[in-house]
Structure formats: C-alpha cells, structure tokens
Amino acid sequence: MIALLVLFLFLFSTYYVLDAYSTAKSTQRVVEEVYFKTQASYVFISVLPFAIDLLKRDDQSFDSLRDVWSNPLVFKTERGELTVSIADEERFLNLNSVDNGAYGKFFERLLKNLAIDPKYKESLLAWTGKSSGMINTNYPIKRAPLDSKEELYWIGFEREDLSGKERGGRFYPGLLSLVSVHSKGKVNINTGSVYILTALDPRIDQTLASKIIERRNREPFKKPEDLLMVEGMTFDILYAIRELIDVKSSTFRISMELKVGDRKASFEAVYDRESDRVLYKRVL
C-alpha cells in the first residue's frame, strides 16, 4: 500500500512538473511572439514614410503598372527579410459608389462576370442607405457607407462568391479581390483587370479588354481618350464609360511582410496621395 502511495505521489509530481514546464514554454512563446510583433511594428512604421515618399515622387499625371511603385521591394539582412508592396485601389470598383445609375450597371455587370446573382446590388443599396429596401440578414442594416469590403458577408453574399469558386470547369475570382471602399470611384484603365474592364460596358468583351491591356503594357494611357487608339474602341463606348474611368490613381494600399526565422508579421496601410493622408494602418 505504501509502495502504491509513493508511486502515485511520484507520478503526480512528475505530471505537475511537466505541466508547469509546458505552461512556462507556452508563456515564453507568447511573450516572444508579442515582442516580435512589437519590434515588427516599429520596423513597419519606420518604413511607411519611405513608401509614401516613393508615391509622392512619382509622375502623378498618370499611373500604370510600369511605375516604380508597382514593383515589390525586398530588403534582406542577416536577421530577416522585409517585403514592401504597393497597389492602387483605383484598379477596383468602389462599393460605396454603387447607385441606381451608370455605376450601378457597372456593378451588375461585374457580378455577372463573376457568376454572382445581380440581385445583390439591391442588398448593397439597402445596406448603404441608398434605398429603403430590406434585406435578409442577421445584422442591423447599416444605412451608411461601408467601412470595410468584408461587410459584404453581413449583407448576405455567399462565402464562395466573395472568396472565389469554380463553375463548369472555370474558376471565378471572388468579389473581394475586385472591389474597394477606399478608392475615388473612377477605375484606372492602366491598372484595372480584365474583369473590371469588361464590366465597364457590355460592348467591351474579352477580346477588346485584352487589346486594352496589351496596349497599356506597351505604353500607358496618358488620358482616357487614348483608348480610341485601341482597335475596336469607338466614340460611343468611350462616351458611355467616360465618367467611370481615369488614367491616374489617388488611393494606394501599402503592404509589408517581415520574416525573421520562422516568424512572420504583416502590415497594411491605405494612403490617399491627393490629401496626403494615411486613411488607416494596422499590423496583421
């Protein structure tokens, strides 16, 4: 009986020691992770002015994917690697600009391009307060502009519609990858994707959109009227989309990633070059 008691006490004390050791190691990992994130945030905040200065020094009369800011910058040191990427928000459709007019038709066509039911436009209008309609949602209807494109989940969009899906052997990108809530509203034809370009007007098909992209890759458009130099583009199409397009951008998303060993931290900021203001920034 004494032997069993001694064995029990030994096993109990061994478990306690191992549990305490495991707890200590877990606490240490948490502390190290917090310390790493804190140090990473200092790096990100220190580098942010450099990225902003790069945008300020760029030719602001037009913006394209051939500009210096569009190429990722990688800084390698003995301690780690920092990657800085800049992309313009004007390559996207702005959800807060969707209305019952031309911009609303633009949104409907984009939904169709992505194999999404266009009825969701009415849900978006109700959510942003541009219509008095009701929507089936578990959340109170906001009746105000979106602060984040992720609010589309609350409006009732299917998750696969927002993240991407495959239909009939074809992959459709998610809506979240093609929209913004920070842009000025007009699409930069020097950076917009084929999905965005074909949504501008029903007469811009895949062939014409490809020609637009091929032309801008050779030489960026300096003004919207330069689209007429693309074979297949007409005055009628240009007139129809003139209020939806531009050749320059104002709002930019600055992303950074810091890798040190097996640890990684990310940072994101949105900068408005027109007002010289950082709209938001956060460590991910």
C-alpha atoms as a PDB file:
ATOM      1  CA  MET A   1       0.000   0.000   0.000  1.00  0.00           C
ATOM      2  CA  ILE A   2       2.860   2.357   0.884  1.00  0.00           C
ATOM      3  CA  ALA A   3       4.570   1.470  -2.398  1.00  0.00           C
ATOM      4  CA  LEU A   4       1.419   2.377  -4.363  1.00  0.00           C
ATOM      5  CA  LEU A   5       1.142   5.650  -2.485  1.00  0.00           C
ATOM      6  CA  VAL A   6       4.768   6.508  -3.246  1.00  0.00           C
ATOM      7  CA  LEU A   7       4.220   5.631  -6.924  1.00  0.00           C
ATOM      8  CA  PHE A   8       1.107   7.812  -7.032  1.00  0.00           C
ATOM      9  CA  LEU A   9       2.920  10.754  -5.458  1.00  0.00           C
ATOM     10  CA  PHE A  10       5.806  10.305  -7.915  1.00  0.00           C
ATOM     11  CA  LEU A  11       3.513  10.238 -10.957  1.00  0.00           C
ATOM     12  CA  PHE A  12       1.524  13.208  -9.641  1.00  0.00           C
ATOM     13  CA  SER A  13       4.651  15.268  -9.011  1.00  0.00           C
ATOM     14  CA  THR A  14       6.044  14.316 -12.443  1.00  0.00           C
ATOM     15  CA  TYR A  15       2.816  15.407 -14.139  1.00  0.00           C
ATOM     16  CA  TYR A  16       2.866  18.688 -12.194  1.00  0.00           C
ATOM     17  CA  VAL A  17       6.453  19.394 -13.212  1.00  0.00           C
ATOM     18  CA  LEU A  18       5.769  18.580 -16.875  1.00  0.00           C
ATOM     19  CA  ASP A  19       2.607  20.682 -16.862  1.00  0.00           C
ATOM     20  CA  ALA A  20       4.438  23.599 -15.257  1.00  0.00           C
ATOM     21  CA  TYR A  21       7.239  23.221 -17.813  1.00  0.00           C
ATOM     22  CA  SER A  22       4.731  23.134 -20.671  1.00  0.00           C
ATOM     23  CA  THR A  23       2.957  26.204 -19.287  1.00  0.00           C
ATOM     24  CA  ALA A  24       6.265  28.034 -18.928  1.00  0.00           C
ATOM     25  CA  LYS A  25       7.261  27.180 -22.504  1.00  0.00           C
ATOM     26  CA  SER A  26       3.854  28.260 -23.784  1.00  0.00           C
ATOM     27  CA  THR A  27       4.108  31.536 -21.871  1.00  0.00           C
ATOM     28  CA  GLN A  28       7.599  32.069 -23.233  1.00  0.00           C
ATOM     29  CA  ARG A  29       6.354  31.567 -26.808  1.00  0.00           C
ATOM     30  CA  VAL A  30       3.550  34.073 -26.243  1.00  0.00           C
ATOM     31  CA  VAL A  31       5.976  36.621 -24.807  1.00  0.00           C
ATOM     32  CA  GLU A  32       8.396  36.097 -27.679  1.00  0.00           C
ATOM     33  CA  GLU A  33       5.571  36.470 -30.221  1.00  0.00           C
ATOM     34  CA  VAL A  34       4.344  39.694 -28.616  1.00  0.00           C
ATOM     35  CA  TYR A  35       7.904  41.030 -28.534  1.00  0.00           C
ATOM     36  CA  PHE A  36       8.391  40.115 -32.204  1.00  0.00           C
ATOM     37  CA  LYS A  37       5.145  41.822 -33.232  1.00  0.00           C
ATOM     38  CA  THR A  38       6.113  44.919 -31.251  1.00  0.00           C
ATOM     39  CA  GLN A  39       9.525  45.105 -32.888  1.00  0.00           C
ATOM     40  CA  ALA A  40       7.964  44.438 -36.309  1.00  0.00           C
ATOM     41  CA  SER A  41       5.511  47.313 -35.830  1.00  0.00           C
ATOM     42  CA  TYR A  42       8.455  49.659 -35.221  1.00  0.00           C
ATOM     43  CA  VAL A  43      10.002  48.496 -38.494  1.00  0.00           C
ATOM     44  CA  PHE A  44       6.748  48.965 -40.407  1.00  0.00           C
ATOM     45  CA  ILE A  45       6.102  52.456 -39.062  1.00  0.00           C
ATOM     46  CA  SER A  46       9.703  53.428 -39.851  1.00  0.00           C
ATOM     47  CA  VAL A  47       9.456  52.203 -43.462  1.00  0.00           C
ATOM     48  CA  LEU A  48       5.988  53.641 -44.180  1.00  0.00           C
ATOM     49  CA  PRO A  49       7.267  57.211 -44.872  1.00  0.00           C
ATOM     50  CA  PHE A  50       9.702  55.758 -47.415  1.00  0.00           C
ATOM     51  CA  ALA A  51       6.844  54.072 -49.317  1.00  0.00           C
ATOM     52  CA  ILE A  52       4.766  57.256 -49.175  1.00  0.00           C
ATOM     53  CA  ASP A  53       7.699  59.325 -50.460  1.00  0.00           C
ATOM     54  CA  LEU A  54       8.035  56.905 -53.376  1.00  0.00           C
ATOM     55  CA  LEU A  55       4.427  57.630 -54.347  1.00  0.00           C
ATOM     56  CA  LYS A  56       4.874  61.371 -53.949  1.00  0.00           C
ATOM     57  CA  ARG A  57       7.936  61.456 -56.222  1.00  0.00           C
ATOM     58  CA  ASP A  58       6.156  59.516 -58.958  1.00  0.00           C
ATOM     59  CA  ASP A  59       4.694  61.291 -62.010  1.00  0.00           C
ATOM     60  CA  GLN A  60       1.139  61.897 -60.798  1.00  0.00           C
ATOM     61  CA  SER A  61      -0.339  62.867 -64.173  1.00  0.00           C
ATOM     62  CA  PHE A  62      -0.985  59.167 -64.828  1.00  0.00           C
ATOM     63  CA  ASP A  63      -0.311  55.879 -63.023  1.00  0.00           C
ATOM     64  CA  SER A  64       0.396  52.479 -64.510  1.00  0.00           C
ATOM     65  CA  LEU A  65       1.822  49.062 -63.733  1.00  0.00           C
ATOM     66  CA  ARG A  66       5.107  50.230 -65.248  1.00  0.00           C
ATOM     67  CA  ASP A  67       5.678  52.758 -62.461  1.00  0.00           C
ATOM     68  CA  VAL A  68       8.369  52.156 -59.862  1.00  0.00           C
ATOM     69  CA  TRP A  69       5.851  51.868 -57.025  1.00  0.00           C
ATOM     70  CA  SER A  70       4.156  48.863 -58.678  1.00  0.00           C
ATOM     71  CA  ASN A  71       7.230  46.639 -58.236  1.00  0.00           C
ATOM     72  CA  PRO A  72       7.669  44.925 -54.837  1.00  0.00           C
ATOM     73  CA  LEU A  73      10.742  45.994 -52.878  1.00  0.00           C
ATOM     74  CA  VAL A  74      12.666  43.329 -50.955  1.00  0.00           C
ATOM     75  CA  PHE A  75      15.203  44.195 -48.256  1.00  0.00           C
ATOM     76  CA  LYS A  76      17.329  41.311 -46.993  1.00  0.00           C
ATOM     77  CA  THR A  77      19.539  41.402 -43.907  1.00  0.00           C
ATOM     78  CA  GLU A  78      21.245  38.797 -41.756  1.00  0.00           C
ATOM     79  CA  ARG A  79      18.331  38.972 -39.328  1.00  0.00           C
ATOM     80  CA  GLY A  80      15.436  38.733 -41.759  1.00  0.00           C
ATOM     81  CA  GLU A  81      13.636  39.861 -44.901  1.00  0.00           C
ATOM     82  CA  LEU A  82      11.236  42.761 -45.433  1.00  0.00           C
ATOM     83  CA  THR A  83       8.961  42.950 -48.485  1.00  0.00           C
ATOM     84  CA  VAL A  84       7.110  46.154 -49.358  1.00  0.00           C
ATOM     85  CA  SER A  85       4.311  46.070 -51.956  1.00  0.00           C
ATOM     86  CA  ILE A  86       2.190  48.962 -53.235  1.00  0.00           C
ATOM     87  CA  ALA A  87      -1.017  48.651 -55.266  1.00  0.00           C
ATOM     88  CA  ASP A  88      -3.551  51.260 -56.288  1.00  0.00           C
ATOM     89  CA  GLU A  89      -7.134  50.987 -55.085  1.00  0.00           C
ATOM     90  CA  GLU A  90      -8.363  52.675 -58.277  1.00  0.00           C
ATOM     91  CA  ARG A  91      -7.990  49.406 -60.153  1.00  0.00           C
ATOM     92  CA  PHE A  92     -11.128  48.288 -58.324  1.00  0.00           C
ATOM     93  CA  LEU A  93     -14.832  49.055 -58.311  1.00  0.00           C
ATOM     94  CA  ASN A  94     -15.780  51.144 -55.270  1.00  0.00           C
ATOM     95  CA  LEU A  95     -18.691  49.576 -53.394  1.00  0.00           C
ATOM     96  CA  ASN A  96     -19.678  52.922 -51.871  1.00  0.00           C
ATOM     97  CA  SER A  97     -20.101  54.433 -55.346  1.00  0.00           C
ATOM     98  CA  VAL A  98     -22.707  51.871 -56.437  1.00  0.00           C
ATOM     99  CA  ASP A  99     -26.012  53.605 -57.214  1.00  0.00           C
ATOM    100  CA  ASN A 100     -29.082  53.193 -59.419  1.00  0.00           C
ATOM    101  CA  GLY A 101     -27.313  54.837 -62.359  1.00  0.00           C
ATOM    102  CA  ALA A 102     -24.324  54.035 -64.548  1.00  0.00           C
ATOM    103  CA  TYR A 103     -22.155  52.908 -61.640  1.00  0.00           C
ATOM    104  CA  GLY A 104     -24.871  50.515 -60.527  1.00  0.00           C
ATOM    105  CA  LYS A 105     -24.962  48.972 -64.016  1.00  0.00           C
ATOM    106  CA  PHE A 106     -21.176  48.676 -63.810  1.00  0.00           C
ATOM    107  CA  PHE A 107     -21.575  46.713 -60.560  1.00  0.00           C
ATOM    108  CA  GLU A 108     -24.290  44.481 -62.018  1.00  0.00           C
ATOM    109  CA  ARG A 109     -22.069  43.558 -64.967  1.00  0.00           C
ATOM    110  CA  LEU A 110     -19.174  42.754 -62.626  1.00  0.00           C
ATOM    111  CA  LEU A 111     -21.442  40.443 -60.636  1.00  0.00           C
ATOM    112  CA  LYS A 112     -22.458  38.686 -63.853  1.00  0.00           C
ATOM    113  CA  ASN A 113     -18.787  38.383 -64.872  1.00  0.00           C
ATOM    114  CA  LEU A 114     -18.174  36.572 -61.598  1.00  0.00           C
ATOM    115  CA  ALA A 115     -21.271  34.354 -61.890  1.00  0.00           C
ATOM    116  CA  ILE A 116     -22.940  36.132 -58.943  1.00  0.00           C
ATOM    117  CA  ASP A 117     -26.643  36.937 -58.839  1.00  0.00           C
ATOM    118  CA  PRO A 118     -27.039  40.665 -59.745  1.00  0.00           C
ATOM    119  CA  LYS A 119     -29.878  40.911 -57.197  1.00  0.00           C
ATOM    120  CA  TYR A 120     -27.204  41.558 -54.566  1.00  0.00           C
ATOM    121  CA  LYS A 121     -26.924  45.092 -55.901  1.00  0.00           C
ATOM    122  CA  GLU A 122     -30.248  45.886 -54.226  1.00  0.00           C
ATOM    123  CA  SER A 123     -28.956  44.428 -50.975  1.00  0.00           C
ATOM    124  CA  LEU A 124     -25.879  46.661 -51.176  1.00  0.00           C
ATOM    125  CA  LEU A 125     -28.004  49.751 -51.864  1.00  0.00           C
ATOM    126  CA  ALA A 126     -30.171  48.961 -48.837  1.00  0.00           C
ATOM    127  CA  TRP A 127     -27.127  48.379 -46.630  1.00  0.00           C
ATOM    128  CA  THR A 128     -25.506  51.694 -47.621  1.00  0.00           C
ATOM    129  CA  GLY A 129     -28.776  53.606 -47.229  1.00  0.00           C
ATOM    130  CA  LYS A 130     -29.242  54.405 -50.909  1.00  0.00           C
ATOM    131  CA  SER A 131     -32.568  52.601 -50.946  1.00  0.00           C
ATOM    132  CA  SER A 132     -35.214  51.932 -48.316  1.00  0.00           C
ATOM    133  CA  GLY A 133     -35.389  48.232 -49.143  1.00  0.00           C
ATOM    134  CA  MET A 134     -34.963  45.404 -46.636  1.00  0.00           C
ATOM    135  CA  ILE A 135     -32.514  42.514 -46.817  1.00  0.00           C
ATOM    136  CA  ASN A 136     -32.366  39.088 -45.201  1.00  0.00           C
ATOM    137  CA  THR A 137     -29.515  39.455 -42.706  1.00  0.00           C
ATOM    138  CA  ASN A 138     -28.797  38.641 -39.087  1.00  0.00           C
ATOM    139  CA  TYR A 139     -27.291  42.099 -38.583  1.00  0.00           C
ATOM    140  CA  PRO A 140     -28.907  45.528 -38.229  1.00  0.00           C
ATOM    141  CA  ILE A 141     -28.969  47.219 -41.635  1.00  0.00           C
ATOM    142  CA  LYS A 142     -26.265  49.875 -41.522  1.00  0.00           C
ATOM    143  CA  ARG A 143     -27.803  52.536 -43.808  1.00  0.00           C
ATOM    144  CA  ALA A 144     -24.369  54.112 -44.212  1.00  0.00           C
ATOM    145  CA  PRO A 145     -21.254  53.681 -46.413  1.00  0.00           C
ATOM    146  CA  LEU A 146     -19.140  50.583 -45.926  1.00  0.00           C
ATOM    147  CA  ASP A 147     -16.011  50.960 -43.803  1.00  0.00           C
ATOM    148  CA  SER A 148     -14.689  47.597 -44.992  1.00  0.00           C
ATOM    149  CA  LYS A 149     -15.439  45.427 -48.000  1.00  0.00           C
ATOM    150  CA  GLU A 150     -15.733  42.463 -45.622  1.00  0.00           C
ATOM    151  CA  GLU A 151     -19.134  43.887 -44.626  1.00  0.00           C
ATOM    152  CA  LEU A 152     -20.412  42.087 -47.733  1.00  0.00           C
ATOM    153  CA  TYR A 153     -20.529  38.954 -45.571  1.00  0.00           C
ATOM    154  CA  TRP A 154     -23.132  40.655 -43.361  1.00  0.00           C
ATOM    155  CA  ILE A 155     -25.219  41.702 -46.363  1.00  0.00           C
ATOM    156  CA  GLY A 156     -25.832  38.088 -47.314  1.00  0.00           C
ATOM    157  CA  PHE A 157     -23.320  37.291 -50.073  1.00  0.00           C
ATOM    158  CA  GLU A 158     -22.362  33.624 -50.299  1.00  0.00           C
ATOM    159  CA  ARG A 159     -18.865  32.952 -48.978  1.00  0.00           C
ATOM    160  CA  GLU A 160     -17.732  31.380 -52.265  1.00  0.00           C
ATOM    161  CA  ASP A 161     -18.987  34.425 -54.188  1.00  0.00           C
ATOM    162  CA  LEU A 162     -16.638  36.566 -52.142  1.00  0.00           C
ATOM    163  CA  SER A 163     -13.626  34.245 -51.988  1.00  0.00           C
ATOM    164  CA  GLY A 164     -13.775  32.543 -55.417  1.00  0.00           C
ATOM    165  CA  LYS A 165     -15.367  29.457 -56.921  1.00  0.00           C
ATOM    166  CA  GLU A 166     -15.297  27.013 -59.806  1.00  0.00           C
ATOM    167  CA  ARG A 167     -18.230  26.540 -62.161  1.00  0.00           C
ATOM    168  CA  GLY A 168     -18.268  24.275 -65.207  1.00  0.00           C
ATOM    169  CA  GLY A 169     -14.509  23.810 -65.119  1.00  0.00           C
ATOM    170  CA  ARG A 170     -13.896  27.562 -64.963  1.00  0.00           C
ATOM    171  CA  PHE A 171     -12.582  29.475 -61.963  1.00  0.00           C
ATOM    172  CA  TYR A 172     -14.192  32.768 -60.998  1.00  0.00           C
ATOM    173  CA  PRO A 173     -12.261  35.068 -58.649  1.00  0.00           C
ATOM    174  CA  GLY A 174     -14.032  36.263 -55.533  1.00  0.00           C
ATOM    175  CA  LEU A 175     -15.717  39.652 -55.465  1.00  0.00           C
ATOM    176  CA  LEU A 176     -13.485  40.770 -52.579  1.00  0.00           C
ATOM    177  CA  SER A 177     -10.462  40.670 -54.900  1.00  0.00           C
ATOM    178  CA  LEU A 178     -12.014  43.231 -57.270  1.00  0.00           C
ATOM    179  CA  VAL A 179     -13.646  45.840 -55.054  1.00  0.00           C
ATOM    180  CA  SER A 180     -12.655  48.598 -52.651  1.00  0.00           C
ATOM    181  CA  VAL A 181     -14.214  51.055 -50.219  1.00  0.00           C
ATOM    182  CA  HIS A 182     -11.298  53.495 -50.346  1.00  0.00           C
ATOM    183  CA  SER A 183     -10.890  54.487 -53.996  1.00  0.00           C
ATOM    184  CA  LYS A 184     -12.212  57.711 -55.526  1.00  0.00           C
ATOM    185  CA  GLY A 185     -14.657  55.686 -57.623  1.00  0.00           C
ATOM    186  CA  LYS A 186     -13.227  56.027 -61.119  1.00  0.00           C
ATOM    187  CA  VAL A 187     -11.369  52.991 -62.472  1.00  0.00           C
ATOM    188  CA  ASN A 188      -7.786  53.472 -63.638  1.00  0.00           C
ATOM    189  CA  ILE A 189      -7.732  51.882 -67.095  1.00  0.00           C
ATOM    190  CA  ASN A 190      -3.959  51.463 -66.765  1.00  0.00           C
ATOM    191  CA  THR A 191      -4.330  49.045 -63.849  1.00  0.00           C
ATOM    192  CA  GLY A 192      -7.867  47.590 -63.921  1.00  0.00           C
ATOM    193  CA  SER A 193      -8.154  43.824 -64.502  1.00  0.00           C
ATOM    194  CA  VAL A 194      -9.924  42.186 -67.412  1.00  0.00           C
ATOM    195  CA  TYR A 195     -12.941  41.510 -65.154  1.00  0.00           C
ATOM    196  CA  ILE A 196     -13.215  45.207 -64.323  1.00  0.00           C
ATOM    197  CA  LEU A 197     -12.669  46.368 -67.906  1.00  0.00           C
ATOM    198  CA  THR A 198     -15.352  44.070 -69.341  1.00  0.00           C
ATOM    199  CA  ALA A 199     -17.785  45.248 -66.656  1.00  0.00           C
ATOM    200  CA  LEU A 200     -17.473  48.902 -67.723  1.00  0.00           C
ATOM    201  CA  ASP A 201     -19.661  48.418 -70.807  1.00  0.00           C
ATOM    202  CA  PRO A 202     -21.382  45.393 -72.412  1.00  0.00           C
ATOM    203  CA  ARG A 203     -19.576  46.176 -75.691  1.00  0.00           C
ATOM    204  CA  ILE A 204     -16.168  45.629 -74.067  1.00  0.00           C
ATOM    205  CA  ASP A 205     -15.715  41.883 -74.425  1.00  0.00           C
ATOM    206  CA  GLN A 206     -12.724  39.704 -73.555  1.00  0.00           C
ATOM    207  CA  THR A 207     -11.096  40.433 -76.914  1.00  0.00           C
ATOM    208  CA  LEU A 208     -11.329  44.207 -76.595  1.00  0.00           C
ATOM    209  CA  ALA A 209     -10.261  44.106 -72.934  1.00  0.00           C
ATOM    210  CA  SER A 210      -7.203  42.057 -73.910  1.00  0.00           C
ATOM    211  CA  LYS A 211      -6.325  44.627 -76.563  1.00  0.00           C
ATOM    212  CA  ILE A 212      -6.617  47.412 -73.987  1.00  0.00           C
ATOM    213  CA  ILE A 213      -4.261  45.565 -71.640  1.00  0.00           C
ATOM    214  CA  GLU A 214      -1.828  44.796 -74.476  1.00  0.00           C
ATOM    215  CA  ARG A 215      -1.789  48.461 -75.490  1.00  0.00           C
ATOM    216  CA  ARG A 216      -1.197  49.781 -71.954  1.00  0.00           C
ATOM    217  CA  ASN A 217       1.591  47.247 -71.428  1.00  0.00           C
ATOM    218  CA  ARG A 218       3.424  48.801 -74.386  1.00  0.00           C
ATOM    219  CA  GLU A 219       2.603  52.370 -73.442  1.00  0.00           C
ATOM    220  CA  PRO A 220       0.336  53.535 -70.598  1.00  0.00           C
ATOM    221  CA  PHE A 221      -2.690  55.659 -71.439  1.00  0.00           C
ATOM    222  CA  LYS A 222      -1.952  59.313 -70.680  1.00  0.00           C
ATOM    223  CA  LYS A 223      -5.609  60.339 -70.896  1.00  0.00           C
ATOM    224  CA  PRO A 224      -8.910  58.443 -71.230  1.00  0.00           C
ATOM    225  CA  GLU A 225      -9.264  59.498 -74.878  1.00  0.00           C
ATOM    226  CA  ASP A 226      -6.149  57.438 -75.686  1.00  0.00           C
ATOM    227  CA  LEU A 227      -8.447  54.400 -75.559  1.00  0.00           C
ATOM    228  CA  LEU A 228      -9.509  55.333 -79.084  1.00  0.00           C
ATOM    229  CA  MET A 229      -6.096  54.159 -80.277  1.00  0.00           C
ATOM    230  CA  VAL A 230      -7.129  50.603 -79.365  1.00  0.00           C
ATOM    231  CA  GLU A 231      -8.608  48.650 -82.264  1.00  0.00           C
ATOM    232  CA  GLY A 232     -12.319  48.065 -81.620  1.00  0.00           C
ATOM    233  CA  MET A 233     -12.815  51.008 -79.275  1.00  0.00           C
ATOM    234  CA  THR A 234     -15.403  53.520 -80.509  1.00  0.00           C
ATOM    235  CA  PHE A 235     -16.505  57.035 -79.576  1.00  0.00           C
ATOM    236  CA  ASP A 236     -19.826  55.604 -78.418  1.00  0.00           C
ATOM    237  CA  ILE A 237     -18.154  53.243 -75.937  1.00  0.00           C
ATOM    238  CA  LEU A 238     -15.794  55.951 -74.707  1.00  0.00           C
ATOM    239  CA  TYR A 239     -18.703  58.352 -74.208  1.00  0.00           C
ATOM    240  CA  ALA A 240     -20.618  55.692 -72.244  1.00  0.00           C
ATOM    241  CA  ILE A 241     -17.764  54.953 -69.844  1.00  0.00           C
ATOM    242  CA  ARG A 242     -16.110  58.390 -69.674  1.00  0.00           C
ATOM    243  CA  GLU A 243     -17.472  59.172 -66.199  1.00  0.00           C
ATOM    244  CA  LEU A 244     -16.359  55.767 -64.881  1.00  0.00           C
ATOM    245  CA  ILE A 245     -12.680  55.861 -65.871  1.00  0.00           C
ATOM    246  CA  ASP A 246      -9.423  57.733 -65.346  1.00  0.00           C
ATOM    247  CA  VAL A 247      -5.726  57.189 -66.011  1.00  0.00           C
ATOM    248  CA  LYS A 248      -4.394  58.150 -62.604  1.00  0.00           C
ATOM    249  CA  SER A 249      -4.815  56.912 -59.072  1.00  0.00           C
ATOM    250  CA  SER A 250      -5.026  58.613 -55.716  1.00  0.00           C
ATOM    251  CA  THR A 251      -5.516  55.884 -53.133  1.00  0.00           C
ATOM    252  CA  PHE A 252      -2.893  53.208 -52.580  1.00  0.00           C
ATOM    253  CA  ARG A 253      -2.636  50.118 -50.383  1.00  0.00           C
ATOM    254  CA  ILE A 254       0.811  49.659 -48.864  1.00  0.00           C
ATOM    255  CA  SER A 255       1.507  46.107 -47.653  1.00  0.00           C
ATOM    256  CA  MET A 256       4.593  44.888 -45.800  1.00  0.00           C
ATOM    257  CA  GLU A 257       5.747  41.487 -44.606  1.00  0.00           C
ATOM    258  CA  LEU A 258       8.630  40.878 -42.223  1.00  0.00           C
ATOM    259  CA  LYS A 259      10.156  37.401 -41.931  1.00  0.00           C
ATOM    260  CA  VAL A 260      12.655  36.588 -39.197  1.00  0.00           C
ATOM    261  CA  GLY A 261      13.440  32.893 -38.912  1.00  0.00           C
ATOM    262  CA  ASP A 262      10.152  31.023 -38.673  1.00  0.00           C
ATOM    263  CA  ARG A 263       8.274  34.109 -37.515  1.00  0.00           C
ATOM    264  CA  LYS A 264       6.286  36.383 -39.801  1.00  0.00           C
ATOM    265  CA  ALA A 265       4.415  39.650 -39.311  1.00  0.00           C
ATOM    266  CA  SER A 266       2.365  41.667 -41.793  1.00  0.00           C
ATOM    267  CA  PHE A 267       1.311  45.281 -42.056  1.00  0.00           C
ATOM    268  CA  GLU A 268      -1.243  47.108 -44.164  1.00  0.00           C
ATOM    269  CA  ALA A 269      -1.964  50.789 -44.703  1.00  0.00           C
ATOM    270  CA  VAL A 270      -4.137  52.770 -47.101  1.00  0.00           C
ATOM    271  CA  TYR A 271      -2.733  56.112 -48.206  1.00  0.00           C
ATOM    272  CA  ASP A 272      -4.575  58.910 -50.023  1.00  0.00           C
ATOM    273  CA  ARG A 273      -1.995  60.756 -52.090  1.00  0.00           C
ATOM    274  CA  GLU A 274      -4.422  63.509 -53.051  1.00  0.00           C
ATOM    275  CA  SER A 275      -4.960  64.598 -49.447  1.00  0.00           C
ATOM    276  CA  ASP A 276      -1.565  63.291 -48.262  1.00  0.00           C
ATOM    277  CA  ARG A 277      -3.256  61.307 -45.521  1.00  0.00           C
ATOM    278  CA  VAL A 278      -2.993  57.739 -44.206  1.00  0.00           C
ATOM    279  CA  LEU A 279      -6.585  56.507 -44.034  1.00  0.00           C
ATOM    280  CA  TYR A 280      -5.743  53.579 -41.801  1.00  0.00           C
ATOM    281  CA  LYS A 281      -2.888  51.298 -40.795  1.00  0.00           C
ATOM    282  CA  ARG A 282      -2.679  48.067 -38.865  1.00  0.00           C
ATOM    283  CA  VAL A 283      -0.323  45.187 -38.037  1.00  0.00           C
ATOM    284  CA  LEU A 284      -1.868  41.884 -39.072  1.00  0.00           C
END
